């Protein structure tokens, strides 16, 4: 069995193992460590969960996520109902600043816009509406508010990365005006995601380009 065949088998097993996913209609192909997910699921939450589950599998270098959300016939929420539910959910979310995020819904697709102080707030807003019934996709266009003092962003990120097991030979950090670029290699897809999340946590980081690759 080739490495890609083994990887495909492992990804399929992980998707079946994940209880939040109905994986019967998800297809998987593997080529040189890149996984392509196809097929369909019934909720946007399952679509996102499938991507996260795939990223947990050792050997996955990259993910092309092409899963379609097909709502069950029993789900009959129009865009107005979805928009009202999304706005209410955001109003109750403690991590999303009040009156900062706007919601637009078109044919089940939600577009989030506005400006927040931190990337975790942008993520929190999407996470809150991801599981709403009737949502088929999310465009997260929320921006991060620029900070005046970004002089030490790059150095702060380096220190944060190297406090963990990352070392200077693993990931390199470049930064200009709050725009951060990560390069280097790691062993797993989750390590790559962790590096990106660490960079986003830095005060003053308003954009992160994660070019870290998974070596296998």
Protein backbone atom coordinates (compact mmCIF):
# COMPACT_ATOMS: atom_id res chain seq x y z
CA UNK A 1 0.00 0.00 0.00
CA UNK A 2 1.41 3.42 -0.97
CA UNK A 3 1.77 6.31 1.46
CA UNK A 4 -1.16 8.13 -0.13
CA UNK A 5 -3.37 5.04 0.08
CA UNK A 6 -2.49 4.65 3.75
CA UNK A 7 -3.17 8.34 4.34
CA UNK A 8 -6.55 8.12 2.63
CA UNK A 9 -7.46 5.12 4.78
CA UNK A 10 -6.42 7.00 7.93
CA UNK A 11 -8.43 10.10 7.02
CA UNK A 12 -11.53 8.02 6.28
CA UNK A 13 -11.12 6.29 9.64
CA UNK A 14 -10.77 9.64 11.45
CA UNK A 15 -13.88 11.04 9.74
CA UNK A 16 -15.82 7.94 10.76
CA UNK A 17 -14.44 8.21 14.31
CA UNK A 18 -15.52 11.85 14.76
CA UNK A 19 -19.05 11.69 16.31
CA UNK A 20 -20.11 15.16 15.10
CA UNK A 21 -19.77 14.14 11.43
CA UNK A 22 -22.05 12.01 9.28
CA UNK A 23 -19.31 10.82 6.92
CA UNK A 24 -21.34 8.48 4.70
CA UNK A 25 -21.34 10.97 1.81
CA UNK A 26 -17.81 12.39 2.19
CA UNK A 27 -15.22 11.40 -0.39
CA UNK A 28 -11.46 11.46 0.20
CA UNK A 29 -8.54 11.48 -2.23
CA UNK A 30 -4.84 11.78 -1.38
CA UNK A 31 -1.96 12.89 -3.57
CA UNK A 32 1.53 13.57 -2.21
CA UNK A 33 0.10 14.25 1.23
CA UNK A 34 -2.59 16.67 0.01
CA UNK A 35 -6.10 15.59 1.00
CA UNK A 36 -9.13 16.58 -1.07
CA UNK A 37 -12.51 16.30 0.65
CA UNK A 38 -15.59 16.05 -1.58
CA UNK A 39 -19.22 15.01 -1.26
CA UNK A 40 -21.87 16.58 0.94
CA UNK A 41 -23.04 16.98 4.53
CA UNK A 42 -26.22 18.35 6.09
CA UNK A 43 -24.77 21.27 8.10
CA UNK A 44 -22.00 23.81 7.83
CA UNK A 45 -20.79 22.69 11.25
CA UNK A 46 -20.14 19.20 9.88
CA UNK A 47 -18.25 20.67 6.92
CA UNK A 48 -15.91 22.52 9.29
CA UNK A 49 -15.60 19.50 11.61
CA UNK A 50 -14.53 17.32 8.66
CA UNK A 51 -11.70 19.72 7.86
CA UNK A 52 -10.52 19.79 11.48
CA UNK A 53 -10.67 16.00 11.76
CA UNK A 54 -8.63 15.62 8.58
CA UNK A 55 -6.00 17.99 9.94
CA UNK A 56 -5.49 15.75 12.97
CA UNK A 57 -4.23 12.86 10.85
CA UNK A 58 -0.47 12.41 10.76
CA UNK A 59 0.96 12.84 7.28
CA UNK A 60 -1.58 15.41 6.03
CA UNK A 61 0.36 18.24 4.39
CA UNK A 62 -2.50 20.27 2.93
CA UNK A 63 -6.29 20.14 2.69
CA UNK A 64 -8.52 21.04 -0.26
CA UNK A 65 -12.02 21.22 1.20
CA UNK A 66 -14.72 20.91 -1.48
CA UNK A 67 -17.59 19.54 0.61
CA UNK A 68 -21.06 20.89 -0.22
CA UNK A 69 -23.70 21.63 2.39
CA UNK A 70 -27.07 20.14 1.40
CA UNK A 71 -29.75 21.05 3.89
CA UNK A 72 -32.34 18.40 4.81
CA UNK A 73 -35.81 18.93 3.35
CA UNK A 74 -37.07 19.42 6.90
CA UNK A 75 -34.99 22.61 7.31
CA UNK A 76 -37.11 25.53 6.12
CA UNK A 77 -35.48 28.72 7.37
CA UNK A 78 -35.45 31.74 5.08
CA UNK A 79 -32.66 34.30 5.00
CA UNK A 80 -34.51 36.71 7.28
CA UNK A 81 -34.90 34.06 9.97
CA UNK A 82 -31.24 33.07 9.69
CA UNK A 83 -30.12 36.71 9.89
CA UNK A 84 -32.21 37.32 13.02
CA UNK A 85 -30.88 34.16 14.67
CA UNK A 86 -27.28 35.08 13.81
CA UNK A 87 -27.65 38.60 15.19
CA UNK A 88 -29.17 37.25 18.39
CA UNK A 89 -26.43 34.66 18.80
CA UNK A 90 -23.73 37.33 18.39
CA UNK A 91 -25.53 39.60 20.87
CA UNK A 92 -25.23 36.90 23.52
CA UNK A 93 -21.61 35.96 22.74
CA UNK A 94 -19.28 37.35 25.43
CA UNK A 95 -16.23 37.21 23.14
CA UNK A 96 -17.75 39.28 20.34
CA UNK A 97 -17.82 43.03 21.12
CA UNK A 98 -21.35 44.42 20.97
CA UNK A 99 -22.42 46.31 17.82
CA UNK A 100 -19.16 45.62 15.96
CA UNK A 101 -20.16 42.78 13.62
CA UNK A 102 -22.73 43.07 10.83
CA UNK A 103 -24.56 40.11 9.32
CA UNK A 104 -25.81 39.67 5.75
CA UNK A 105 -27.51 36.49 4.53
CA UNK A 106 -28.09 35.41 0.95
CA UNK A 107 -29.42 31.95 0.10
CA UNK A 108 -28.10 30.55 3.37
CA UNK A 109 -24.64 32.08 2.96
CA UNK A 110 -23.70 34.42 5.82
CA UNK A 111 -21.31 37.33 5.31
CA UNK A 112 -19.79 38.81 8.46
CA UNK A 113 -18.27 42.29 8.31
CA UNK A 114 -17.09 44.95 10.74
CA UNK A 115 -13.95 45.64 12.76
CA UNK A 116 -12.71 44.06 16.01
CA UNK A 117 -9.58 44.44 18.14
CA UNK A 118 -8.40 40.82 18.12
CA UNK A 119 -8.36 37.87 15.76
CA UNK A 120 -9.91 35.60 18.43
CA UNK A 121 -12.96 37.89 18.35
CA UNK A 122 -13.21 37.42 14.58
CA UNK A 123 -13.01 33.65 15.05
CA UNK A 124 -15.55 33.75 17.89
CA UNK A 125 -18.12 35.52 15.72
CA UNK A 126 -17.84 32.88 13.01
CA UNK A 127 -17.89 30.05 15.53
CA UNK A 128 -21.13 31.35 17.05
CA UNK A 129 -23.09 31.34 13.78
CA UNK A 130 -21.45 28.27 12.21
CA UNK A 131 -23.83 25.84 13.87
CA UNK A 132 -27.07 27.67 13.08
CA UNK A 133 -29.65 25.60 11.25
CA UNK A 134 -29.99 26.67 7.61
CA UNK A 135 -26.46 28.05 7.21
CA UNK A 136 -24.67 26.62 4.17
CA UNK A 137 -21.50 28.73 4.28
CA UNK A 138 -19.75 31.69 5.92
CA UNK A 139 -17.74 34.55 4.42
CA UNK A 140 -15.80 36.06 7.33
CA UNK A 141 -14.82 39.54 6.17
CA UNK A 142 -14.31 41.00 9.66
CA UNK A 143 -11.11 43.06 9.83
CA UNK A 144 -8.67 43.57 12.69
CA UNK A 145 -8.33 47.14 13.93
CA UNK A 146 -4.79 48.46 13.21
CA UNK A 147 -2.66 49.38 16.23
CA UNK A 148 -0.39 52.39 16.42
CA UNK A 149 2.60 50.60 17.98
CA UNK A 150 3.58 47.51 15.99
CA UNK A 151 7.34 47.86 16.35
CA UNK A 152 7.86 44.62 18.28
CA UNK A 153 5.21 42.37 16.72
CA UNK A 154 7.69 40.10 14.95
CA UNK A 155 9.91 39.70 17.98
CA UNK A 156 6.93 39.06 20.26
CA UNK A 157 5.74 36.27 17.96
CA UNK A 158 9.21 34.69 17.86
CA UNK A 159 9.34 34.61 21.66
CA UNK A 160 5.84 33.12 21.84
CA UNK A 161 6.67 30.40 19.29
CA UNK A 162 9.94 29.50 20.92
CA UNK A 163 8.36 29.26 24.38
CA UNK A 164 6.77 26.12 22.99
CA UNK A 165 8.67 23.39 21.22
CA UNK A 166 9.14 25.47 18.03
CA UNK A 167 12.75 26.53 17.55
CA UNK A 168 14.46 29.08 15.28
CA UNK A 169 15.33 26.33 12.80
CA UNK A 170 11.68 25.29 12.51
CA UNK A 171 9.73 28.49 11.86
CA UNK A 172 10.89 31.90 10.68
CA UNK A 173 8.93 35.10 11.25
CA UNK A 174 9.00 38.27 9.15
CA UNK A 175 6.81 41.31 9.83
CA UNK A 176 6.07 44.74 8.37
CA UNK A 177 3.46 47.20 9.63
CA UNK A 178 1.59 44.46 11.48
CA UNK A 179 1.56 42.10 8.49
CA UNK A 180 3.18 38.82 9.55
CA UNK A 181 4.57 36.03 7.38
CA UNK A 182 5.48 32.60 8.73
CA UNK A 183 7.75 30.23 6.82
CA UNK A 184 9.53 26.99 7.67
CA UNK A 185 8.52 23.37 8.22
CA UNK A 186 6.65 21.41 10.87
CA UNK A 187 5.71 17.75 11.29
CA UNK A 188 1.90 17.95 11.38
CA UNK A 189 -0.97 20.03 10.05
CA UNK A 190 -2.00 20.82 13.61
CA UNK A 191 1.48 22.25 14.32
CA UNK A 192 1.04 24.52 11.31
CA UNK A 193 -2.33 25.71 12.61
CA UNK A 194 -0.87 26.25 16.09
CA UNK A 195 1.89 28.41 14.68
CA UNK A 196 -0.66 30.53 12.83
CA UNK A 197 -2.84 30.92 15.92
CA UNK A 198 0.21 31.95 17.95
CA UNK A 199 1.05 34.66 15.44
CA UNK A 200 -2.52 35.96 15.44
CA UNK A 201 -2.41 36.30 19.25
CA UNK A 202 0.27 38.99 19.06
CA UNK A 203 -0.92 42.54 19.83
CA UNK A 204 -0.62 44.52 16.58
CA UNK A 205 -0.87 41.60 14.18
CA UNK A 206 -3.53 42.56 11.63
CA UNK A 207 -2.68 39.99 8.93
CA UNK A 208 -0.96 36.60 9.06
CA UNK A 209 0.30 34.76 5.99
CA UNK A 210 0.97 31.19 7.04
CA UNK A 211 3.41 29.68 4.54
CA UNK A 212 4.65 26.99 6.91
CA UNK A 213 4.72 23.61 5.16
CA UNK A 214 4.22 20.14 6.60
CA UNK A 215 7.26 17.94 6.03
CA UNK A 216 6.60 14.23 5.65
